[in-house]
Amino acid sequence: MTMQLIVTHPGGAHKDDFLACSLLAHLHRVPIQRREPTDEDLSNPSICVVDVGGVHDPEQNNFDHHQFPRDAPPLCALSLVLQSMGLYEDALSFCAWLRPAEWLDTLGPNETAKLMNIPRSALGELNSPLDITLLNRFAKHTELGPQDALYQVMCMVGEDIVDYLKSLRERLDFLAQHGQYWTIETDGEPIEALFLEKSDAIAEDPSFGVYAFIESEGKEDEVHALVYPDRRGDGYGLTRYNDSPRLDFSKIESHDDVRFAHKRGFVAKVTTTDPAKLKQLLKDAIVENER
């Protein structure tokens, strides 16, 4: 089906309708009109109706949540568009900003602050001029099309969200097949490291998705170190996972295989590619009696 139009509500703009329209603008490259929808709009599947209209029907491209009951899950228009694109579950897992955006739009600032365990005032303090300008400019338009600068920025935002989620899913699937967990024995409690073998598939950004992968595996409390191909050389990078105090790579800075070790101990770059030597370097960097 060829999409003709995106319709969203007039008046004040919020993050959920802005981002939902950004995704749809990237996907369809059709004009956005900010007005109340007609019955004809709601019944026409070639018109996306977003955050207005009182209907959620993805087959008809209607994405409103305001008619949901008070005790419904906190889904906003952005959530509904992501669901229709098959990206919602990954977005919820790997975009830390999504759940607070849902809470803010459906539950309000007071409840959102409680759920985030932050002071109510912190919500305003976390706003940036980017948020304010983009939403204010969006609110001032009644129609936007591909020729408009703001529309082009919205398409960039939508494209980056989609590309991130799709490329992250590909990387997570790759890591599930090719990542190796190493156990490094010590005199005390062993440490765990995730090792990534060199591959053309990850050469451009070897560390991309590694943290999300470990979290998806439920191992964020078990892994202490990452060993990944060095993007700037033929060797490997060694780094602490979540700044684990179990490792101090400054301890190995004089080793022949170490090209660089940060004085603060959180990262080292090494020339060796031999797994046995990499494991020994990890062992030599262990700080005993730390938990």
Protein backbone atom coordinates (compact mmCIF):
# COMPACT_ATOMS: atom_id res chain seq x y z
CA MET A 1 0.00 0.00 0.00
CA THR A 2 1.25 3.47 -0.87
CA MET A 3 0.97 5.80 2.09
CA GLN A 4 -0.44 9.26 1.40
CA LEU A 5 -0.35 11.21 4.64
CA ILE A 6 0.48 11.26 8.36
CA VAL A 7 -2.00 13.05 10.64
CA THR A 8 -1.30 13.94 14.26
CA HIS A 9 -2.94 16.31 16.73
CA PRO A 10 -2.55 20.09 16.68
CA GLY A 11 -1.43 22.15 19.67
CA GLY A 12 1.40 21.21 21.98
CA ALA A 13 3.82 18.54 20.79
CA HIS A 14 5.31 15.82 22.95
CA LYS A 15 8.16 13.39 22.59
CA ASP A 16 5.93 10.41 21.82
CA ASP A 17 4.05 11.95 18.88
CA PHE A 18 7.22 13.62 17.54
CA LEU A 19 9.16 10.34 17.57
CA ALA A 20 6.22 8.30 16.26
CA CYS A 21 5.87 10.72 13.34
CA SER A 22 9.65 10.63 12.82
CA LEU A 23 9.56 6.86 12.39
CA LEU A 24 6.63 7.05 9.98
CA ALA A 25 8.18 9.93 8.03
CA HIS A 26 11.37 7.91 7.59
CA LEU A 27 9.34 4.88 6.53
CA HIS A 28 6.93 6.55 4.11
CA ARG A 29 8.33 10.03 3.20
CA VAL A 30 4.84 11.55 3.05
CA PRO A 31 3.59 14.90 4.44
CA ILE A 32 2.61 15.35 8.09
CA GLN A 33 -0.49 17.36 8.93
CA ARG A 34 -1.16 18.55 12.50
CA ARG A 35 -4.95 18.68 12.82
CA GLU A 36 -7.92 16.71 14.12
CA PRO A 37 -8.57 13.61 12.00
CA THR A 38 -11.82 13.03 10.14
CA ASP A 39 -13.79 9.80 10.01
CA GLU A 40 -12.50 9.44 6.46
CA ASP A 41 -8.91 9.66 7.72
CA LEU A 42 -9.53 6.92 10.29
CA SER A 43 -11.12 4.61 7.73
CA ASN A 44 -8.42 5.15 5.11
CA PRO A 45 -5.44 2.78 5.65
CA SER A 46 -3.26 4.97 3.41
CA ILE A 47 -3.41 7.70 6.09
CA CYS A 48 -1.51 7.19 9.34
CA VAL A 49 -3.38 8.76 12.27
CA VAL A 50 -1.02 9.21 15.22
CA ASP A 51 -1.75 10.03 18.88
CA VAL A 52 -5.26 11.26 18.11
CA GLY A 53 -8.58 9.86 16.91
CA GLY A 54 -9.37 7.44 19.74
CA VAL A 55 -8.56 4.32 17.70
CA HIS A 56 -5.75 1.78 17.79
CA ASP A 57 -5.93 -0.35 14.65
CA PRO A 58 -2.52 -1.02 13.09
CA GLU A 59 -4.06 -2.61 9.99
CA GLN A 60 -5.78 0.73 9.37
CA ASN A 61 -2.64 2.63 10.45
CA ASN A 62 -4.41 4.23 13.40
CA PHE A 63 -2.11 4.66 16.42
CA ASP A 64 -3.87 6.32 19.36
CA HIS A 65 -3.68 5.23 23.00
CA HIS A 66 -5.85 7.79 24.77
CA GLN A 67 -8.90 5.51 24.71
CA PHE A 68 -7.09 2.74 26.64
CA PRO A 69 -8.42 2.07 30.18
CA ARG A 70 -6.71 3.69 33.15
CA ASP A 71 -5.06 0.43 34.25
CA ALA A 72 -3.76 -0.47 30.78
CA PRO A 73 0.00 -0.94 30.25
CA PRO A 74 1.72 2.44 29.71
CA LEU A 75 1.79 2.35 25.91
CA CYS A 76 1.99 5.65 24.03
CA ALA A 77 1.68 6.40 20.30
CA LEU A 78 5.40 5.75 19.85
CA SER A 79 4.99 2.30 21.43
CA LEU A 80 2.16 1.47 19.03
CA VAL A 81 4.13 2.53 15.96
CA LEU A 82 7.16 0.52 17.11
CA GLN A 83 4.90 -2.50 17.63
CA SER A 84 3.55 -2.16 14.09
CA MET A 85 7.13 -2.14 12.78
CA GLY A 86 8.09 -5.23 14.80
CA LEU A 87 10.68 -3.25 16.76
CA TYR A 88 8.99 -2.66 20.09
CA GLU A 89 10.44 -5.50 22.17
CA ASP A 90 14.00 -4.73 21.12
CA ALA A 91 13.40 -1.01 21.66
CA LEU A 92 12.06 -1.66 25.15
CA SER A 93 15.05 -3.84 25.97
CA PHE A 94 17.81 -1.72 24.47
CA CYS A 95 16.57 1.90 24.32
CA ALA A 96 16.71 3.06 27.93
CA TRP A 97 14.80 6.24 27.04
CA LEU A 98 11.66 4.44 25.81
CA ARG A 99 10.09 3.34 29.09
CA PRO A 100 10.40 6.81 30.72
CA ALA A 101 8.89 8.34 27.56
CA GLU A 102 5.93 5.97 27.89
CA TRP A 103 5.52 6.74 31.58
CA LEU A 104 5.71 10.48 31.07
CA ASP A 105 3.07 10.47 28.34
CA THR A 106 0.65 8.09 30.01
CA LEU A 107 1.20 8.53 33.76
CA GLY A 108 2.41 12.12 34.07
CA PRO A 109 5.56 13.62 35.58
CA ASN A 110 4.91 12.86 39.25
CA GLU A 111 4.40 9.13 38.74
CA THR A 112 7.26 9.00 36.24
CA ALA A 113 9.66 10.55 38.73
CA LYS A 114 8.62 7.98 41.35
CA LEU A 115 9.15 5.09 38.93
CA MET A 116 12.56 6.47 37.94
CA ASN A 117 13.43 7.00 41.61
CA ILE A 118 14.42 10.62 40.97
CA PRO A 119 13.14 13.96 42.28
CA ARG A 120 10.27 15.47 40.31
CA SER A 121 12.49 18.48 39.54
CA ALA A 122 15.06 16.24 37.82
CA LEU A 123 12.71 15.69 34.86
CA GLY A 124 12.95 19.33 33.92
CA GLU A 125 16.68 19.39 34.60
CA LEU A 126 17.17 16.52 32.13
CA ASN A 127 15.48 18.45 29.30
CA SER A 128 17.91 19.83 26.76
CA PRO A 129 17.61 22.69 24.24
CA LEU A 130 17.34 19.97 21.57
CA ASP A 131 14.14 18.63 23.14
CA ILE A 132 12.67 22.10 23.60
CA THR A 133 13.51 23.45 20.14
CA LEU A 134 12.43 20.40 18.15
CA LEU A 135 9.12 20.04 19.97
CA ASN A 136 8.36 23.77 19.86
CA ARG A 137 9.13 23.97 16.16
CA PHE A 138 7.03 20.88 15.46
CA ALA A 139 4.11 22.37 17.41
CA LYS A 140 4.18 25.56 15.35
CA HIS A 141 3.63 23.79 12.02
CA THR A 142 0.30 22.76 10.60
CA GLU A 143 1.95 20.82 7.78
CA LEU A 144 5.43 19.50 7.08
CA GLY A 145 6.80 17.85 3.97
CA PRO A 146 10.09 16.46 2.65
CA GLN A 147 11.15 19.93 1.53
CA ASP A 148 11.13 21.26 5.12
CA ALA A 149 14.28 21.22 7.24
CA LEU A 150 12.45 19.99 10.35
CA TYR A 151 10.89 17.13 8.38
CA GLN A 152 14.36 16.13 7.16
CA VAL A 153 15.64 16.12 10.75
CA MET A 154 12.67 13.96 11.78
CA CYS A 155 13.53 11.48 9.03
CA MET A 156 17.11 11.36 10.32
CA VAL A 157 15.85 10.64 13.84
CA GLY A 158 13.53 7.90 12.58
CA GLU A 159 16.25 6.40 10.40
CA ASP A 160 18.75 6.30 13.27
CA ILE A 161 16.28 4.57 15.60
CA VAL A 162 15.42 1.94 12.99
CA ASP A 163 19.03 1.40 11.91
CA TYR A 164 20.20 1.08 15.52
CA LEU A 165 17.57 -1.51 16.41
CA LYS A 166 17.99 -3.56 13.24
CA SER A 167 21.80 -3.51 13.34
CA LEU A 168 21.74 -4.28 17.07
CA ARG A 169 19.50 -7.30 16.51
CA GLU A 170 21.91 -8.56 13.83
CA ARG A 171 24.86 -8.02 16.17
CA LEU A 172 23.14 -9.79 19.08
CA ASP A 173 22.42 -12.78 16.86
CA PHE A 174 26.07 -12.78 15.73
CA LEU A 175 27.38 -12.57 19.30
CA ALA A 176 25.12 -15.42 20.39
CA GLN A 177 26.83 -17.61 17.81
CA HIS A 178 30.40 -16.34 18.04
CA GLY A 179 30.96 -14.84 21.50
CA GLN A 180 32.91 -16.97 23.97
CA TYR A 181 32.82 -16.76 27.76
CA TRP A 182 36.18 -17.35 29.38
CA THR A 183 36.65 -18.30 33.02
CA ILE A 184 39.99 -17.11 34.39
CA GLU A 185 40.94 -19.03 37.50
CA THR A 186 42.58 -17.22 40.38
CA ASP A 187 43.66 -18.04 43.92
CA GLY A 188 40.29 -16.69 44.98
CA GLU A 189 37.06 -16.18 43.06
CA PRO A 190 37.51 -16.60 39.27
CA ILE A 191 36.68 -13.84 36.83
CA GLU A 192 34.58 -14.11 33.68
CA ALA A 193 35.43 -12.47 30.35
CA LEU A 194 33.58 -12.25 27.05
CA PHE A 195 35.90 -12.88 24.09
CA LEU A 196 35.12 -11.82 20.51
CA GLU A 197 37.19 -13.39 17.77
CA LYS A 198 38.28 -11.24 14.84
CA SER A 199 35.71 -11.18 12.04
CA ASP A 200 34.88 -8.96 9.07
CA ALA A 201 31.30 -8.86 10.40
CA ILE A 202 32.35 -6.79 13.43
CA ALA A 203 35.51 -5.10 12.13
CA GLU A 204 33.99 -1.63 11.77
CA ASP A 205 32.81 -1.40 15.39
CA PRO A 206 33.88 -4.49 17.38
CA SER A 207 32.39 -3.41 20.70
CA PHE A 208 28.97 -2.44 19.35
CA GLY A 209 26.15 -4.32 21.09
CA VAL A 210 28.40 -6.09 23.59
CA TYR A 211 26.80 -4.53 26.67
CA ALA A 212 23.31 -5.15 25.32
CA PHE A 213 24.27 -8.77 24.58
CA ILE A 214 25.56 -9.41 28.09
CA GLU A 215 22.40 -7.90 29.56
CA SER A 216 20.21 -9.96 27.24
CA GLU A 217 22.04 -13.07 28.48
CA GLY A 218 21.43 -12.09 32.11
CA LYS A 219 25.18 -12.10 32.82
CA GLU A 220 25.69 -8.46 33.80
CA ASP A 221 26.54 -9.54 37.36
CA GLU A 222 28.91 -12.30 36.23
CA VAL A 223 31.14 -10.77 33.54
CA HIS A 224 34.18 -8.72 34.59
CA ALA A 225 36.08 -8.12 31.34
CA LEU A 226 35.73 -7.79 27.59
CA VAL A 227 38.28 -8.94 25.03
CA TYR A 228 37.56 -7.63 21.54
CA PRO A 229 39.47 -6.94 18.29
CA ASP A 230 41.32 -3.62 18.32
CA ARG A 231 39.84 -1.38 15.64
CA ARG A 232 43.15 0.52 15.37
CA GLY A 233 45.51 -2.42 15.08
CA ASP A 234 45.97 -6.14 14.63
CA GLY A 235 45.71 -7.02 18.30
CA TYR A 236 42.99 -6.87 20.93
CA GLY A 237 41.49 -4.48 23.41
CA LEU A 238 41.03 -5.51 27.02
CA THR A 239 38.59 -3.54 29.10
CA ARG A 240 36.76 -3.79 32.39
CA TYR A 241 33.05 -4.55 32.06
CA ASN A 242 31.02 -2.04 34.08
CA ASP A 243 34.32 -0.81 35.51
CA SER A 244 34.80 -4.00 37.51
CA PRO A 245 37.28 -3.48 40.39
CA ARG A 246 38.54 -7.05 39.88
CA LEU A 247 40.92 -5.85 37.13
CA ASP A 248 43.62 -3.19 36.85
CA PHE A 249 45.26 -3.21 33.43
CA SER A 250 47.96 -0.77 34.55
CA LYS A 251 49.48 -3.86 36.21
CA ILE A 252 50.43 -5.25 32.77
CA GLU A 253 51.71 -2.05 31.12
CA SER A 254 55.33 -3.31 31.05
CA HIS A 255 54.41 -6.61 29.38
CA ASP A 256 55.96 -7.17 25.94
CA ASP A 257 52.57 -7.82 24.37
CA VAL A 258 50.99 -4.63 25.74
CA ARG A 259 50.99 -1.65 23.40
CA PHE A 260 49.10 0.65 25.76
CA ALA A 261 47.63 0.42 29.24
CA HIS A 262 45.72 3.30 30.75
CA LYS A 263 47.17 4.58 34.02
CA ARG A 264 43.70 4.38 35.55
CA GLY A 265 43.66 0.66 34.75
CA PHE A 266 40.36 0.36 32.91
CA VAL A 267 41.63 -0.50 29.42
CA ALA A 268 44.65 -1.92 27.61
CA LYS A 269 45.57 -2.51 23.96
CA VAL A 270 47.68 -5.55 23.20
CA THR A 271 49.46 -6.88 20.13
CA THR A 272 48.93 -10.58 20.71
CA THR A 273 46.04 -12.53 19.18
CA ASP A 274 46.86 -15.80 20.93
CA PRO A 275 43.95 -16.77 23.23
CA ALA A 276 46.34 -18.37 25.73
CA LYS A 277 48.36 -15.15 26.01
CA LEU A 278 45.21 -13.04 26.23
CA LYS A 279 43.97 -15.18 29.12
CA GLN A 280 47.33 -14.82 30.87
CA LEU A 281 47.21 -11.04 30.48
CA LEU A 282 43.76 -11.02 32.06
CA LYS A 283 45.05 -13.17 34.90
CA ASP A 284 48.03 -10.87 35.45
CA ALA A 285 45.69 -7.86 35.65
CA ILE A 286 43.51 -9.34 38.39
CA VAL A 287 43.27 -7.43 41.65
CA GLU A 288 42.97 -10.02 44.37
CA ASN A 289 40.64 -9.69 47.33
CA GLU A 290 38.30 -7.28 45.48
CA ARG A 291 34.64 -8.10 44.95
